[in-house]
Amino acid sequence: QVQLVESGGGLVQPGGSLRLSCAASGFTFSFYDASWYRQAPGKERELVAALTVAPGTTNYADSVKDRFTISRDNAKNTVYLQMNSLKPEDTAVYYCNAKRRWYPTAYEYWGQGTQVTVSS
C-alpha cells in the first residue's frame, strides 16, 4: 500500500526551528519528485519547496528561501524539510507530495498534513 507519513510538526516560538519528515512506504521515493506544500486558513495551497529526482534540483518559494531546506535520505526512503528562523506567517498545515510521470501516466501521492504553528 502506497503511503506518505508526515511527522515533526508542532508549536514553536518565532525564530525557532523544526524539521518535518515524510516517510514513504510502498514505493521508492528516489524515483519521484518531492515537494512540500502548505495551506494557511483562508488561503490557497502554495508550493514551499521542491526537489527533483537525482541529481536533484531544488526550488523554493521566495518567502522561505535561505530559511528552509528540502533534502532526501534515500536509505530511509524519506524526505525532509528543515525550517529555520520560523516566522508567524509560516503557520500552516504542511503537506508532503511525491510525483512522477511514467509515460503516459502520472503518479502522485500526498501525505495527511501536519500542523506547524509559530507563536509566542
Protein backbone atom coordinates (compact mmCIF):
# COMPACT_ATOMS: atom_id res chain seq x y z
CA GLN A 1 0.00 0.00 0.00
CA VAL A 2 1.39 3.38 -1.04
CA GLN A 3 1.66 5.78 1.85
CA LEU A 4 3.34 9.04 2.87
CA VAL A 5 3.51 9.67 6.60
CA GLU A 6 4.47 13.10 7.88
CA SER A 7 5.83 13.96 11.28
CA GLY A 8 7.66 16.74 13.08
CA GLY A 9 5.05 19.46 13.21
CA GLY A 10 4.10 21.30 16.34
CA LEU A 11 4.26 24.58 18.19
CA VAL A 12 7.43 26.64 18.05
CA GLN A 13 8.38 30.18 19.00
CA PRO A 14 9.33 32.78 16.39
CA GLY A 15 12.95 32.33 15.42
CA GLY A 16 12.89 28.64 16.26
CA SER A 17 13.37 25.58 14.08
CA LEU A 18 11.52 22.43 13.13
CA ARG A 19 12.32 19.51 10.88
CA LEU A 20 9.45 17.85 9.09
CA SER A 21 9.79 14.29 7.87
CA CYS A 22 7.91 12.49 5.12
CA ALA A 23 8.42 8.74 5.19
CA ALA A 24 7.34 6.76 2.14
CA SER A 25 6.21 3.18 2.00
CA GLY A 26 5.04 1.04 -0.89
CA PHE A 27 7.22 2.85 -3.43
CA THR A 28 10.77 4.10 -3.89
CA PHE A 29 10.78 7.81 -3.15
CA SER A 30 14.03 8.43 -5.05
CA PHE A 31 12.18 7.78 -8.32
CA TYR A 32 9.81 10.67 -7.59
CA ASP A 33 10.00 14.42 -7.47
CA ALA A 34 9.35 15.50 -3.89
CA SER A 35 7.74 18.67 -2.65
CA TRP A 36 6.25 20.35 0.38
CA TYR A 37 3.12 22.46 0.22
CA ARG A 38 1.39 24.45 2.90
CA GLN A 39 -2.05 25.89 3.42
CA ALA A 40 -2.98 28.52 5.97
CA PRO A 41 -6.58 29.26 6.99
CA GLY A 42 -8.36 31.25 4.30
CA LYS A 43 -5.51 30.87 1.83
CA GLU A 44 -4.80 28.67 -1.16
CA ARG A 45 -2.32 25.84 -1.02
CA GLU A 46 1.14 27.01 -2.03
CA LEU A 47 4.32 25.26 -3.03
CA VAL A 48 7.01 25.75 -0.41
CA ALA A 49 9.91 23.62 -1.63
CA ALA A 50 10.60 21.03 -4.31
CA LEU A 51 13.36 18.52 -5.02
CA THR A 52 13.56 16.59 -8.27
CA VAL A 53 14.97 13.12 -8.81
CA ALA A 54 18.74 12.71 -8.86
CA PRO A 55 20.96 14.58 -9.32
CA GLY A 56 18.36 16.85 -7.75
CA THR A 57 17.24 20.37 -8.48
CA THR A 58 15.69 22.45 -5.72
CA ASN A 59 13.10 25.17 -5.90
CA TYR A 60 11.82 27.34 -3.05
CA ALA A 61 9.12 29.89 -2.58
CA ASP A 62 10.60 33.36 -2.23
CA SER A 63 9.15 33.65 1.25
CA VAL A 64 11.22 30.71 2.58
CA LYS A 65 14.46 30.98 0.60
CA ASP A 66 17.53 30.86 2.83
CA ARG A 67 15.43 29.62 5.74
CA PHE A 68 14.04 26.25 4.58
CA THR A 69 15.91 23.30 3.09
CA ILE A 70 14.44 20.25 1.40
CA SER A 71 16.51 17.06 1.29
CA ARG A 72 16.35 13.30 0.85
CA ASP A 73 17.71 10.32 2.68
CA ASN A 74 17.21 7.56 0.17
CA ALA A 75 18.45 4.89 2.56
CA LYS A 76 15.50 5.78 4.78
CA ASN A 77 13.12 6.44 1.86
CA THR A 78 12.36 9.77 3.49
CA VAL A 79 12.21 13.44 2.50
CA TYR A 80 12.79 16.25 4.98
CA LEU A 81 12.01 19.91 5.31
CA GLN A 82 14.34 21.75 7.65
CA MET A 83 12.73 25.01 8.74
CA ASN A 84 14.85 27.65 10.47
CA SER A 85 14.18 31.20 11.61
CA LEU A 86 10.48 30.49 11.68
CA LYS A 87 8.01 33.35 11.47
CA PRO A 88 4.35 33.57 12.48
CA GLU A 89 3.41 33.74 8.79
CA ASP A 90 4.85 30.24 8.37
CA THR A 91 1.93 28.90 10.39
CA ALA A 92 0.04 26.43 8.21
CA VAL A 93 -0.73 22.81 7.57
CA TYR A 94 2.20 21.34 5.68
CA TYR A 95 1.72 18.55 3.13
CA CYS A 96 4.25 16.22 1.56
CA ASN A 97 3.91 15.30 -2.12
CA ALA A 98 5.52 12.74 -4.41
CA LYS A 99 5.05 12.89 -8.16
CA ARG A 100 6.38 11.25 -11.30
CA ARG A 101 5.42 10.73 -14.89
CA TRP A 102 5.73 7.26 -16.30
CA TYR A 103 4.60 7.71 -19.84
CA PRO A 104 1.74 8.05 -20.45
CA THR A 105 0.61 8.02 -16.81
CA ALA A 106 1.30 10.43 -13.97
CA TYR A 107 1.58 9.19 -10.40
CA GLU A 108 1.04 11.48 -7.44
CA TYR A 109 0.76 10.84 -3.71
CA TRP A 110 0.04 13.08 -0.74
CA GLY A 111 0.65 12.94 2.97
CA GLN A 112 -2.04 13.63 5.51
CA GLY A 113 -0.69 17.03 6.54
CA THR A 114 0.96 18.20 9.74
CA GLN A 115 0.26 21.41 11.62
CA VAL A 116 3.03 23.93 12.16
CA THR A 117 2.23 26.81 14.49
CA VAL A 118 4.71 29.63 15.07
CA SER A 119 3.66 31.74 18.02
CA SER A 120 4.94 33.19 21.25
